[in-house]
Amino acid sequence: MSHQSLPGFREFFPDELAARTHLFEAWRRVAARYGFEEYDGPPLEPQELYTEKSGPEIVGQLYNFVDKGDREVALRPEMTPTLARMVASRANGLRKPIRWFSIAQMFRYERQQRGRLREHYQLNCDLIGEAGPLGDAEVIALLIDVVRELGLGADEVRVRVSDRRVLSALLLSAGVTEAQLPLAYATIDKQERMDRTALMAMLQGAGAGGISATVAGRVLDLSALHRLDDVAAVLAKVSGGSAALEPLRRTLGALEAMGLNDFVDVDLSIVRGLAYYTGTVFELFDAGRALRAIAGGGRYDELLGRLGGVELPAVGFAMGDVVIGELLKERGLRPALAPPIEVFIAGVTEDDLPHVLSLAHECRDAGLRTEYALTAQAVGKQLKLADARKARVAVLIGPDDRDRNEVQLKDLTAKAQRAVSRTEAVAELLAIRS
């Protein structure tokens, strides 16, 4: 009988797990440099936690069931609702701004495609309790530094930044009504996946709520703006336009002061599909746009109040491990799998076994990855195992060596062998490693 893993779920063999560990360690290093603290929550939550945020339509994307306590529950598809509850439970005792990050496994029952599976690990970074544009810049800088830590440069990845306050001011000035803004946002969000004719039809074809052809054309023209100066020139003619632009201008200025502006593009077609964003929005892509978005996020100043009952401004992003993993693999930036051991200890006779065990444990206490044969074998066979394990050094212990209080160190890379004092063996092995 063949038992295969479920569609959309992964098995991590040692080389794949090493790549995942490399990614997680980079995530943790950069988050720590920004003063972010790691948290986690339960992988199984009440289903209503997600329907309250995203509506009943999300149920079709959940791994959900009724548990033995007759509760409707779901495996977490995202972290924000859990974060909102946790922050709300201790909001008065937490020093603001709160800088939290998590690395959690998520589950969504979706159609599999390149860059999207039914489970993935996700870095979530959120800065809570700060409403100003420096908070936005801080989170975007963290995201950029994550990809820099992984070896990617500005010619390989781009952060595309917009601001819903800016886009809203532009759209309203172009003739879009407040009631039509959600339709305009939803259409702009599909701008790179549909041609202009289809986008115009989408804007106009919403029945009584549709947008006229003239206004629809303006919407698409405005969303195509990709330079801050061009955006500023249009907003200069709009009442309140300069005020709407100021947060974005200050965010971009902060990133420039940090030396990170080479990674950043202004792009008003970035709106993020989720309705709860209230200000800055951004997405990270590979420069060639061959892959799905690597990460995305923005400012969501009202969501924590809605979900957790505590009004706090917030900005954050999420980065999954699937797309960034593909990009690192394509660029040859995944780490080589380290040999499982550094030292192999071989005994010449069965009487040497206690001495093999003693030295092996000393080596392990010193931090050396060490192995020895678990059954009696000829020395030649033991050395073949050492080669198969890609050990750097083999240590041979035989009766004559023990009589002299020595061991033989065989450098399997340099193909050289020498005798050393038994008492100095571990120090010699550590010196070879360094």
Protein backbone atom coordinates (compact mmCIF):
# COMPACT_ATOMS: atom_id res chain seq x y z
CA MET A 1 0.00 0.00 0.00
CA SER A 2 1.32 3.46 -0.93
CA HIS A 3 0.62 6.25 1.54
CA GLN A 4 1.31 9.62 -0.06
CA SER A 5 1.21 13.00 1.62
CA LEU A 6 -1.94 15.06 1.08
CA PRO A 7 -2.06 17.39 -1.95
CA GLY A 8 -0.53 20.75 -1.15
CA PHE A 9 1.40 19.50 1.88
CA ARG A 10 5.17 19.08 1.97
CA GLU A 11 7.66 16.63 3.40
CA PHE A 12 10.96 18.14 4.48
CA PHE A 13 13.87 15.79 3.82
CA PRO A 14 17.18 16.88 5.42
CA ASP A 15 18.26 19.12 2.53
CA GLU A 16 14.85 20.81 2.35
CA LEU A 17 14.72 21.22 6.12
CA ALA A 18 18.19 22.79 6.06
CA ALA A 19 16.91 25.36 3.54
CA ARG A 20 13.87 26.07 5.70
CA THR A 21 16.02 26.41 8.82
CA HIS A 22 18.33 28.81 6.97
CA LEU A 23 15.31 30.94 6.05
CA PHE A 24 13.83 30.91 9.56
CA GLU A 25 17.18 31.85 11.10
CA ALA A 26 17.50 34.82 8.74
CA TRP A 27 13.96 35.91 9.61
CA ARG A 28 14.74 35.74 13.32
CA ARG A 29 18.08 37.55 13.04
CA VAL A 30 16.64 40.53 11.20
CA ALA A 31 13.52 40.78 13.36
CA ALA A 32 15.71 40.76 16.46
CA ARG A 33 17.88 43.56 15.05
CA TYR A 34 14.74 45.69 14.82
CA GLY A 35 13.78 44.95 18.41
CA PHE A 36 10.88 42.64 17.52
CA GLU A 37 9.89 39.93 20.01
CA GLU A 38 8.70 36.50 18.92
CA TYR A 39 5.25 35.22 19.85
CA ASP A 40 3.03 32.34 18.79
CA GLY A 41 -0.55 31.23 19.15
CA PRO A 42 -2.62 28.07 18.78
CA PRO A 43 -2.78 26.45 15.33
CA LEU A 44 -6.44 25.56 15.95
CA GLU A 45 -8.88 28.41 16.60
CA PRO A 46 -12.65 28.98 16.78
CA GLN A 47 -13.93 29.30 13.23
CA GLU A 48 -15.75 32.53 14.07
CA LEU A 49 -12.41 34.24 14.67
CA TYR A 50 -11.89 34.18 10.90
CA THR A 51 -15.47 34.70 9.73
CA GLU A 52 -15.72 37.84 11.87
CA LYS A 53 -12.74 39.31 10.04
CA SER A 54 -13.26 38.05 6.51
CA GLY A 55 -16.94 37.10 6.30
CA PRO A 56 -18.60 33.69 5.86
CA GLU A 57 -17.12 33.26 2.38
CA ILE A 58 -13.73 32.40 3.91
CA VAL A 59 -15.14 29.09 5.19
CA GLY A 60 -14.60 27.60 1.74
CA GLN A 61 -10.86 28.19 2.16
CA LEU A 62 -10.57 26.76 5.68
CA TYR A 63 -9.60 23.38 7.04
CA ASN A 64 -12.56 23.39 9.43
CA PHE A 65 -14.55 20.83 11.39
CA VAL A 66 -16.67 20.34 14.49
CA ASP A 67 -14.54 19.06 17.37
CA LYS A 68 -15.50 16.59 20.09
CA GLY A 69 -16.73 19.47 22.23
CA ASP A 70 -19.21 20.38 19.47
CA ARG A 71 -17.23 23.55 18.64
CA GLU A 72 -16.74 24.83 15.09
CA VAL A 73 -12.98 25.15 14.73
CA ALA A 74 -10.44 25.76 11.96
CA LEU A 75 -6.72 25.44 11.37
CA ARG A 76 -5.36 28.98 11.21
CA PRO A 77 -5.23 30.48 7.70
CA GLU A 78 -3.56 33.68 8.96
CA MET A 79 -2.15 35.22 12.14
CA THR A 80 -3.78 38.65 12.43
CA PRO A 81 -6.95 37.60 14.31
CA THR A 82 -4.89 35.66 16.87
CA LEU A 83 -2.54 38.63 17.20
CA ALA A 84 -5.48 40.98 17.78
CA ARG A 85 -6.86 38.80 20.56
CA MET A 86 -3.47 38.40 22.25
CA VAL A 87 -2.68 42.13 22.12
CA ALA A 88 -6.14 43.02 23.42
CA SER A 89 -5.77 40.65 26.38
CA ARG A 90 -2.71 42.55 27.65
CA ALA A 91 -3.02 45.91 25.90
CA ASN A 92 -2.79 48.01 29.06
CA GLY A 93 0.39 46.29 30.23
CA LEU A 94 2.28 46.33 26.92
CA ARG A 95 4.71 49.14 26.23
CA LYS A 96 3.93 50.90 22.97
CA PRO A 97 4.83 50.58 20.24
CA ILE A 98 4.54 46.81 20.38
CA ARG A 99 7.02 45.07 18.08
CA TRP A 100 6.05 41.43 17.62
CA PHE A 101 6.86 38.77 15.05
CA SER A 102 5.91 35.14 14.57
CA ILE A 103 6.91 32.26 12.34
CA ALA A 104 3.84 30.09 12.10
CA GLN A 105 2.41 27.38 9.87
CA MET A 106 -0.78 28.37 8.01
CA PHE A 107 -3.41 26.25 6.29
CA ARG A 108 -5.74 27.21 3.44
CA TYR A 109 -7.81 24.86 1.31
CA GLU A 110 -7.03 26.54 -2.03
CA ARG A 111 -6.26 25.49 -5.56
CA GLN A 112 -2.58 24.63 -5.79
CA GLN A 113 -0.41 26.60 -8.20
CA ARG A 114 3.16 27.77 -8.42
CA GLY A 115 4.01 29.62 -5.24
CA ARG A 116 0.82 28.58 -3.45
CA LEU A 117 0.26 25.40 -1.45
CA ARG A 118 -2.33 24.36 1.11
CA GLU A 119 0.12 24.82 3.93
CA HIS A 120 3.04 27.15 4.34
CA TYR A 121 5.15 28.82 6.98
CA GLN A 122 4.85 32.56 7.32
CA LEU A 123 6.84 35.37 8.87
CA ASN A 124 4.48 37.94 10.39
CA CYS A 125 5.88 41.26 11.62
CA ASP A 126 3.59 43.84 13.19
CA LEU A 127 4.29 47.21 14.81
CA ILE A 128 1.33 48.21 16.98
CA GLY A 129 0.59 51.48 18.75
CA GLU A 130 2.33 53.89 16.36
CA ALA A 131 0.28 55.81 13.80
CA GLY A 132 3.03 57.84 12.13
CA PRO A 133 4.84 57.23 8.84
CA LEU A 134 8.08 56.27 10.60
CA GLY A 135 6.29 53.13 11.74
CA ASP A 136 5.48 52.32 8.12
CA ALA A 137 9.10 52.94 7.10
CA GLU A 138 10.36 50.77 9.95
CA VAL A 139 8.31 47.77 8.84
CA ILE A 140 9.17 48.20 5.15
CA ALA A 141 12.86 48.51 6.09
CA LEU A 142 12.62 45.28 8.08
CA LEU A 143 11.14 43.54 5.03
CA ILE A 144 13.91 44.86 2.77
CA ASP A 145 16.58 43.81 5.24
CA VAL A 146 15.16 40.29 5.36
CA VAL A 147 15.77 39.83 1.63
CA ARG A 148 19.16 41.55 1.90
CA GLU A 149 20.07 39.11 4.67
CA LEU A 150 19.21 36.28 2.29
CA GLY A 151 21.58 37.63 -0.36
CA LEU A 152 19.11 39.40 -2.67
CA GLY A 153 19.83 42.86 -4.04
CA ALA A 154 17.82 45.74 -5.46
CA ASP A 155 18.27 44.37 -8.98
CA GLU A 156 16.55 41.13 -7.92
CA VAL A 157 13.64 42.25 -5.68
CA ARG A 158 11.43 45.34 -5.57
CA VAL A 159 9.10 46.73 -2.90
CA ARG A 160 6.16 48.42 -4.61
CA VAL A 161 4.62 51.01 -2.31
CA SER A 162 1.34 52.90 -2.44
CA ASP A 163 -1.05 54.57 0.00
CA ARG A 164 -4.79 54.17 0.07
CA ARG A 165 -5.19 57.75 1.32
CA VAL A 166 -3.40 58.97 -1.80
CA LEU A 167 -5.33 56.71 -4.15
CA SER A 168 -8.64 57.61 -2.48
CA ALA A 169 -7.98 61.34 -2.89
CA LEU A 170 -7.08 60.85 -6.56
CA LEU A 171 -10.09 58.64 -7.32
CA LEU A 172 -12.57 60.95 -5.61
CA SER A 173 -11.16 63.90 -7.53
CA ALA A 174 -11.58 61.92 -10.75
CA GLY A 175 -15.32 61.46 -10.15
CA VAL A 176 -15.46 58.15 -8.27
CA THR A 177 -17.98 58.26 -5.43
CA GLU A 178 -17.32 56.97 -1.91
CA ALA A 179 -19.69 54.09 -2.62
CA GLN A 180 -17.72 53.20 -5.76
CA LEU A 181 -14.29 53.16 -4.10
CA PRO A 182 -14.40 49.40 -3.24
CA LEU A 183 -15.16 48.60 -6.91
CA ALA A 184 -12.31 50.85 -8.06
CA TYR A 185 -9.90 49.26 -5.59
CA ALA A 186 -10.92 45.73 -6.60
CA THR A 187 -10.42 46.55 -10.28
CA ILE A 188 -7.05 48.25 -9.79
CA ASP A 189 -5.93 45.19 -7.81
CA LYS A 190 -6.43 43.11 -10.98
CA GLN A 191 -4.66 45.60 -13.26
CA GLU A 192 -1.71 43.35 -14.05
CA ARG A 193 -3.83 40.26 -14.63
CA MET A 194 -6.40 41.74 -17.04
CA ASP A 195 -6.19 43.93 -20.14
CA ARG A 196 -7.57 47.47 -20.23
CA THR A 197 -10.75 46.46 -22.07
CA ALA A 198 -11.63 43.89 -19.41
CA LEU A 199 -10.81 46.35 -16.63
CA MET A 200 -13.04 49.01 -18.18
CA ALA A 201 -15.85 46.47 -18.42
CA MET A 202 -15.37 45.53 -14.78
CA LEU A 203 -15.55 49.18 -13.68
CA GLN A 204 -18.66 49.87 -15.74
CA GLY A 205 -20.47 46.58 -15.38
CA ALA A 206 -21.57 46.68 -11.75
CA GLY A 207 -25.17 47.60 -12.44
CA ALA A 208 -26.36 50.81 -10.79
CA GLY A 209 -23.07 51.00 -8.92
CA GLY A 210 -20.98 51.01 -12.08
CA ILE A 211 -18.58 53.77 -13.03
CA SER A 212 -19.03 55.78 -16.23
CA ALA A 213 -16.65 55.17 -19.13
CA THR A 214 -15.04 58.59 -18.76
CA VAL A 215 -14.38 58.17 -15.04
CA ALA A 216 -13.30 54.55 -15.51
CA GLY A 217 -10.61 55.69 -17.95
CA ARG A 218 -9.36 58.22 -15.40
CA VAL A 219 -9.23 55.51 -12.73
CA LEU A 220 -6.95 53.33 -14.83
CA ASP A 221 -4.75 56.25 -15.84
CA LEU A 222 -4.27 57.35 -12.23
CA SER A 223 -3.50 53.84 -11.01
CA ALA A 224 -0.73 53.63 -13.63
CA LEU A 225 1.30 56.40 -11.94
CA HIS A 226 4.72 55.09 -10.86
CA ARG A 227 6.72 58.15 -9.76
CA LEU A 228 6.30 60.22 -6.62
CA ASP A 229 6.75 63.47 -8.56
CA ASP A 230 3.98 62.48 -10.99
CA VAL A 231 1.65 61.62 -8.11
CA ALA A 232 2.48 64.91 -6.38
CA ALA A 233 1.82 66.90 -9.55
CA VAL A 234 -1.69 65.46 -9.87
CA LEU A 235 -2.44 65.83 -6.15
CA ALA A 236 -1.33 69.45 -6.21
CA LYS A 237 -4.53 70.19 -8.14
CA VAL A 238 -6.72 68.29 -5.67
CA SER A 239 -8.20 69.82 -2.53
CA GLY A 240 -6.42 68.22 0.42
CA GLY A 241 -4.09 66.41 -1.94
CA SER A 242 -0.85 67.58 -0.33
CA ALA A 243 -2.03 66.39 3.10
CA ALA A 244 -2.98 63.01 1.67
CA LEU A 245 0.48 62.63 0.13
CA GLU A 246 2.49 63.69 3.19
CA PRO A 247 2.53 60.29 5.03
CA LEU A 248 3.77 58.51 1.88
CA ARG A 249 6.35 61.21 1.24
CA ARG A 250 7.67 60.93 4.80
CA THR A 251 7.76 57.12 4.64
CA LEU A 252 9.77 57.20 1.42
CA GLY A 253 12.05 59.89 2.84
CA ALA A 254 12.81 57.75 5.88
CA LEU A 255 13.68 54.77 3.67
CA GLU A 256 15.96 56.99 1.60
CA ALA A 257 17.70 58.18 4.79
CA MET A 258 18.29 54.52 5.68
CA GLY A 259 19.89 53.94 2.28
CA LEU A 260 17.13 51.59 1.13
CA ASN A 261 15.40 53.68 -1.52
CA ASP A 262 17.05 51.64 -4.32
CA PHE A 263 14.70 48.77 -3.40
CA VAL A 264 11.52 50.88 -3.52
CA ASP A 265 9.11 51.81 -6.34
CA VAL A 266 6.04 54.00 -6.01
CA ASP A 267 3.19 52.09 -7.66
CA LEU A 268 -0.44 53.15 -7.24
CA SER A 269 -1.67 49.85 -8.70
CA ILE A 270 -0.79 48.26 -5.34
CA VAL A 271 -3.96 48.39 -3.26
CA ARG A 272 -3.94 44.99 -1.49
CA GLY A 273 -7.18 43.08 -1.87
CA LEU A 274 -8.10 43.18 1.81
CA ALA A 275 -10.54 45.92 2.72
CA TYR A 276 -9.12 46.64 6.17
CA TYR A 277 -6.01 48.55 5.01
CA THR A 278 -6.24 52.25 5.86
CA GLY A 279 -3.00 53.85 4.64
CA THR A 280 0.36 52.67 3.32
CA VAL A 281 0.25 49.38 1.38
CA PHE A 282 3.17 47.51 -0.15
CA GLU A 283 4.14 44.26 -1.85
CA LEU A 284 7.51 42.64 -2.50
CA PHE A 285 8.14 40.99 -5.88
CA ASP A 286 11.06 39.51 -7.76
CA ALA A 287 12.30 42.14 -10.21
CA GLY A 288 11.35 40.06 -13.24
CA ARG A 289 7.81 39.42 -11.95
CA ALA A 290 8.15 35.73 -12.76
CA LEU A 291 6.72 34.73 -9.38
CA ARG A 292 3.78 35.63 -7.18
CA ALA A 293 4.19 38.32 -4.54
CA ILE A 294 6.90 37.35 -2.04
CA ALA A 295 5.38 39.43 0.78
CA GLY A 296 2.72 42.03 1.35
CA GLY A 297 1.35 44.28 4.02
CA GLY A 298 0.32 47.74 5.06
CA ARG A 299 -1.30 49.93 7.67
CA TYR A 300 -4.49 48.67 9.33
CA ASP A 301 -5.43 51.20 12.01
CA GLU A 302 -8.99 49.99 12.63
CA LEU A 303 -8.71 46.21 12.52
CA LEU A 304 -7.49 45.57 16.07
CA GLY A 305 -10.43 47.50 17.45
CA ARG A 306 -12.83 45.47 15.36
CA LEU A 307 -11.29 42.10 16.20
CA GLY A 308 -9.87 42.61 19.68
CA GLY A 309 -11.90 45.49 21.06
CA VAL A 310 -8.82 47.69 21.67
CA GLU A 311 -8.28 50.68 19.38
CA LEU A 312 -4.63 50.69 18.37
CA PRO A 313 -3.01 51.76 15.09
CA ALA A 314 -0.95 49.04 13.44
CA VAL A 315 1.20 48.26 10.43
CA GLY A 316 2.66 44.92 9.41
CA PHE A 317 3.48 42.41 6.72
CA ALA A 318 3.52 38.69 6.05
CA MET A 319 6.08 36.71 4.04
CA GLY A 320 5.46 33.07 3.19
CA ASP A 321 8.26 30.55 2.80
CA VAL A 322 7.14 29.12 -0.56
CA VAL A 323 7.79 31.96 -3.03
CA ILE A 324 10.95 33.24 -1.32
CA GLY A 325 12.16 29.63 -1.21
CA GLU A 326 11.69 29.29 -4.97
CA LEU A 327 13.53 32.56 -5.60
CA LEU A 328 16.48 31.60 -3.40
CA LYS A 329 16.70 28.24 -5.17
CA GLU A 330 16.66 29.90 -8.61
CA ARG A 331 19.40 32.33 -7.55
CA GLY A 332 21.58 29.60 -6.03
CA LEU A 333 21.27 31.20 -2.59
CA ARG A 334 20.14 28.16 -0.64
CA PRO A 335 22.82 26.84 1.73
CA ALA A 336 24.67 23.65 0.95
CA LEU A 337 23.69 20.80 3.25
CA ALA A 338 26.38 20.45 5.90
CA PRO A 339 27.85 16.94 6.37
CA PRO A 340 25.98 15.15 9.14
CA ILE A 341 29.20 14.51 11.10
CA GLU A 342 32.67 15.98 11.48
CA VAL A 343 34.41 13.14 13.30
CA PHE A 344 34.20 9.36 12.88
CA ILE A 345 35.85 7.22 15.57
CA ALA A 346 36.91 3.72 14.56
CA GLY A 347 38.09 0.93 16.84
CA VAL A 348 40.53 -1.70 15.60
CA THR A 349 39.36 -4.49 17.95
CA GLU A 350 36.33 -5.15 20.08
CA ASP A 351 38.44 -4.35 23.17
CA ASP A 352 38.78 -0.80 21.84
CA LEU A 353 35.01 -0.15 22.05
CA PRO A 354 34.96 1.38 25.58
CA HIS A 355 37.70 3.79 24.50
CA VAL A 356 35.78 4.66 21.33
CA LEU A 357 32.66 5.38 23.38
CA SER A 358 34.58 7.49 25.88
CA LEU A 359 36.21 9.67 23.22
CA ALA A 360 32.98 9.96 21.23
CA HIS A 361 31.18 11.38 24.23
CA GLU A 362 34.00 13.83 24.94
CA CYS A 363 33.82 15.01 21.32
CA ARG A 364 30.06 15.49 21.52
CA ASP A 365 30.38 17.41 24.78
CA ALA A 366 32.80 19.71 22.95
CA GLY A 367 30.24 20.32 20.20
CA LEU A 368 31.75 18.07 17.55
CA ARG A 369 29.29 16.09 15.43
CA THR A 370 30.55 12.56 16.01
CA GLU A 371 29.66 9.04 14.94
CA TYR A 372 31.08 5.51 15.33
CA ALA A 373 30.07 2.05 14.12
CA LEU A 374 27.24 0.53 16.16
CA THR A 375 28.25 -3.05 15.33
CA ALA A 376 31.65 -4.75 15.19
CA GLN A 377 33.21 -4.11 11.77
CA ALA A 378 36.58 -4.24 10.10
CA VAL A 379 38.45 -0.92 10.13
CA GLY A 380 38.18 -0.64 6.34
CA LYS A 381 34.40 -0.89 6.49
CA GLN A 382 34.27 1.69 9.26
CA LEU A 383 36.32 4.12 7.18
CA LYS A 384 33.99 3.59 4.22
CA LEU A 385 31.12 4.63 6.47
CA ALA A 386 33.12 7.69 7.52
CA ASP A 387 33.56 8.61 3.85
CA ALA A 388 29.86 8.08 3.17
CA ARG A 389 29.01 10.42 6.05
CA LYS A 390 31.50 12.98 4.61
CA ALA A 391 33.37 13.16 7.91
CA ARG A 392 36.35 15.53 7.95
CA VAL A 393 38.44 13.41 10.31
CA ALA A 394 38.58 9.75 11.32
CA VAL A 395 40.07 8.82 14.69
CA LEU A 396 41.56 5.33 14.90
CA ILE A 397 42.00 3.62 18.26
CA GLY A 398 43.84 0.29 18.49
CA PRO A 399 45.67 -1.70 21.19
CA ASP A 400 49.09 -0.31 20.26
CA ASP A 401 47.73 3.25 20.29
CA ARG A 402 46.20 2.69 23.72
CA ASP A 403 49.49 1.34 25.07
CA ARG A 404 51.14 4.63 24.03
CA ASN A 405 48.17 6.72 25.27
CA GLU A 406 47.68 7.93 21.71
CA VAL A 407 45.10 7.94 18.93
CA GLN A 408 45.58 8.24 15.17
CA LEU A 409 43.99 11.27 13.46
CA LYS A 410 43.29 10.63 9.79
CA ASP A 411 42.41 13.79 7.84
CA LEU A 412 40.04 12.42 5.23
CA THR A 413 40.26 15.58 3.12
CA ALA A 414 44.05 15.97 3.08
CA LYS A 415 44.61 12.17 3.16
CA ALA A 416 47.17 12.61 5.96
CA GLN A 417 47.50 10.69 9.23
CA ARG A 418 49.35 11.45 12.46
CA ALA A 419 49.46 10.30 16.06
CA VAL A 420 48.36 12.62 18.88
CA SER A 421 48.14 12.23 22.63
CA ARG A 422 44.83 10.81 23.80
CA THR A 423 44.46 13.67 26.29
CA GLU A 424 44.92 16.24 23.50
CA ALA A 425 42.66 14.50 20.97
CA VAL A 426 39.59 16.71 21.42
CA ALA A 427 41.63 19.93 21.32
CA GLU A 428 43.34 18.75 18.13
CA LEU A 429 39.98 17.95 16.54
CA LEU A 430 38.60 21.38 17.44
CA ALA A 431 41.70 22.98 15.92
CA ILE A 432 41.16 21.07 12.68
CA ARG A 433 37.54 22.23 12.56
CA SER A 434 38.54 25.88 12.94
